[in-house]
C-alpha atoms as a PDB file:
ATOM      1  CA  UNK A   1       3.520  10.681   9.943  1.00  0.00           C
ATOM      2  CA  UNK A   2       2.472   8.757   6.757  1.00  0.00           C
ATOM      3  CA  UNK A   3       2.870   5.225   6.424  1.00  0.00           C
ATOM      4  CA  UNK A   4       3.850   4.266   3.253  1.00  0.00           C
ATOM      5  CA  UNK A   5       5.688   0.937   1.156  1.00  0.00           C
ATOM      6  CA  UNK A   6       8.519   1.539  -1.053  1.00  0.00           C
ATOM      7  CA  UNK A   7       8.848  -0.815  -4.202  1.00  0.00           C
ATOM      8  CA  UNK A   8      12.044  -1.295  -6.853  1.00  0.00           C
ATOM      9  CA  UNK A   9      11.346  -1.416 -10.205  1.00  0.00           C
ATOM     10  CA  UNK A  10      13.249  -4.876 -11.536  1.00  0.00           C
ATOM     11  CA  UNK A  11      12.888  -2.466 -15.421  1.00  0.00           C
ATOM     12  CA  UNK A  12      14.579   0.616 -14.459  1.00  0.00           C
ATOM     13  CA  UNK A  13      17.712   0.736 -12.210  1.00  0.00           C
ATOM     14  CA  UNK A  14      17.429   2.559  -9.046  1.00  0.00           C
ATOM     15  CA  UNK A  15      13.956   4.104  -9.412  1.00  0.00           C
ATOM     16  CA  UNK A  16      11.855   3.434  -6.650  1.00  0.00           C
ATOM     17  CA  UNK A  17       8.065   3.707  -5.738  1.00  0.00           C
ATOM     18  CA  UNK A  18       6.743   5.146  -2.711  1.00  0.00           C
ATOM     19  CA  UNK A  19       2.770   4.147  -2.272  1.00  0.00           C
ATOM     20  CA  UNK A  20       0.262   5.109   0.461  1.00  0.00           C
ATOM     21  CA  UNK A  21      -0.348   2.396   2.936  1.00  0.00           C
ATOM     22  CA  UNK A  22      -3.795   2.493   1.784  1.00  0.00           C
ATOM     23  CA  UNK A  23      -3.135   1.728  -1.680  1.00  0.00           C
ATOM     24  CA  UNK A  24      -2.144  -1.379  -3.371  1.00  0.00           C
ATOM     25  CA  UNK A  25       0.375  -1.528  -6.281  1.00  0.00           C
ATOM     26  CA  UNK A  26      -2.923  -2.516  -8.557  1.00  0.00           C
ATOM     27  CA  UNK A  27      -4.175   0.750  -7.455  1.00  0.00           C
ATOM     28  CA  UNK A  28      -1.906   2.954  -9.304  1.00  0.00           C
ATOM     29  CA  UNK A  29      -2.618   4.233 -12.648  1.00  0.00           C
ATOM     30  CA  UNK A  30      -1.905   1.395 -15.379  1.00  0.00           C
ATOM     31  CA  UNK A  31       0.555   3.400 -17.566  1.00  0.00           C
ATOM     32  CA  UNK A  32       2.324   3.852 -14.416  1.00  0.00           C
ATOM     33  CA  UNK A  33       2.376   0.044 -13.372  1.00  0.00           C
ATOM     34  CA  UNK A  34       3.496  -0.897 -16.905  1.00  0.00           C
ATOM     35  CA  UNK A  35       6.433   1.549 -17.204  1.00  0.00           C
ATOM     36  CA  UNK A  36       7.597   0.494 -13.341  1.00  0.00           C
ATOM     37  CA  UNK A  37       7.892  -3.136 -13.994  1.00  0.00           C
ATOM     38  CA  UNK A  38       7.109  -5.635 -11.416  1.00  0.00           C
ATOM     39  CA  UNK A  39       7.324  -4.106  -8.099  1.00  0.00           C
ATOM     40  CA  UNK A  40       9.778  -5.917  -5.577  1.00  0.00           C
ATOM     41  CA  UNK A  41       9.417  -4.793  -2.101  1.00  0.00           C
ATOM     42  CA  UNK A  42      11.617  -2.852  -0.052  1.00  0.00           C
ATOM     43  CA  UNK A  43      10.073  -1.992   3.065  1.00  0.00           C
ATOM     44  CA  UNK A  44       7.505  -0.017   4.676  1.00  0.00           C
ATOM     45  CA  UNK A  45       7.829   3.896   5.988  1.00  0.00           C
ATOM     46  CA  UNK A  46       6.531   6.285   8.063  1.00  0.00           C
ATOM     47  CA  UNK A  47       7.062   9.449   6.514  1.00  0.00           C
ATOM     48  CA  UNK A  48       7.376  12.329   8.821  1.00  0.00           C
ATOM     49  CA  UNK A  49       8.935  15.745   8.040  1.00  0.00           C
ATOM     50  CA  UNK A  50      11.502  15.511  11.027  1.00  0.00           C
ATOM     51  CA  UNK A  51      12.744  12.625   9.051  1.00  0.00           C
ATOM     52  CA  UNK A  52      15.386  12.674   6.157  1.00  0.00           C
ATOM     53  CA  UNK A  53      15.721  10.288   3.030  1.00  0.00           C
ATOM     54  CA  UNK A  54      18.989   9.966   1.216  1.00  0.00           C
ATOM     55  CA  UNK A  55      17.959  11.126  -2.138  1.00  0.00           C
ATOM     56  CA  UNK A  56      14.675  12.995  -2.167  1.00  0.00           C
ATOM     57  CA  UNK A  57      12.999  15.866  -0.018  1.00  0.00           C
ATOM     58  CA  UNK A  58      10.769  13.976   2.296  1.00  0.00           C
ATOM     59  CA  UNK A  59       8.376  17.113   2.000  1.00  0.00           C
ATOM     60  CA  UNK A  60       8.035  16.361  -2.055  1.00  0.00           C
ATOM     61  CA  UNK A  61       7.328  12.457  -0.922  1.00  0.00           C
ATOM     62  CA  UNK A  62       4.814  13.490   1.656  1.00  0.00           C
ATOM     63  CA  UNK A  63       3.049  15.837  -0.351  1.00  0.00           C
ATOM     64  CA  UNK A  64       2.901  13.692  -3.938  1.00  0.00           C
ATOM     65  CA  UNK A  65       1.505  10.952  -1.531  1.00  0.00           C
ATOM     66  CA  UNK A  66      -1.205  12.990  -0.171  1.00  0.00           C
ATOM     67  CA  UNK A  67      -2.023  14.669  -3.840  1.00  0.00           C
ATOM     68  CA  UNK A  68      -1.658  10.968  -5.827  1.00  0.00           C
ATOM     69  CA  UNK A  69      -1.285   8.373  -3.366  1.00  0.00           C
ATOM     70  CA  UNK A  70       2.383   7.750  -4.561  1.00  0.00           C
ATOM     71  CA  UNK A  71       5.772   9.257  -5.448  1.00  0.00           C
ATOM     72  CA  UNK A  72       7.958   7.869  -7.917  1.00  0.00           C
ATOM     73  CA  UNK A  73      11.830   8.596  -7.368  1.00  0.00           C
ATOM     74  CA  UNK A  74      14.160   8.242 -10.292  1.00  0.00           C
ATOM     75  CA  UNK A  75      17.597   7.745 -10.712  1.00  0.00           C
ATOM     76  CA  UNK A  76      19.836  10.392  -9.928  1.00  0.00           C
ATOM     77  CA  UNK A  77      20.922  12.178 -13.345  1.00  0.00           C
ATOM     78  CA  UNK A  78      24.929  12.224 -13.121  1.00  0.00           C
ATOM     79  CA  UNK A  79      27.395  13.380 -15.659  1.00  0.00           C
ATOM     80  CA  UNK A  80      28.020  10.652 -18.665  1.00  0.00           C
ATOM     81  CA  UNK A  81      31.697  10.475 -17.077  1.00  0.00           C
ATOM     82  CA  UNK A  82      30.503   9.251 -13.708  1.00  0.00           C
ATOM     83  CA  UNK A  83      27.893   7.244 -15.336  1.00  0.00           C
ATOM     84  CA  UNK A  84      30.449   5.606 -17.264  1.00  0.00           C
ATOM     85  CA  UNK A  85      33.086   4.944 -13.921  1.00  0.00           C
ATOM     86  CA  UNK A  86      30.175   3.359 -11.958  1.00  0.00           C
ATOM     87  CA  UNK A  87      29.543   0.391 -14.424  1.00  0.00           C
ATOM     88  CA  UNK A  88      33.348  -0.042 -14.690  1.00  0.00           C
ATOM     89  CA  UNK A  89      33.763  -0.242 -11.250  1.00  0.00           C
END
């Protein structure tokens, strides 16, 4: 099990950053911090392979956090028609 903090980007919709609890946002690469924008804390989360996340494979998140200290979750890729409907709804 691995504890991480989850942040939402103020620059990019539906973009989240899972950061190892041992690291702070300021410990991340400068370019990532700049592109991500001001982080908005969402929650602390215990990562375990017996748990599921809604949009990403938890094994990939755990692996990335173990290797780099963070995992960047980008918005889902939707067909153009679905994207337009989402904005009109």
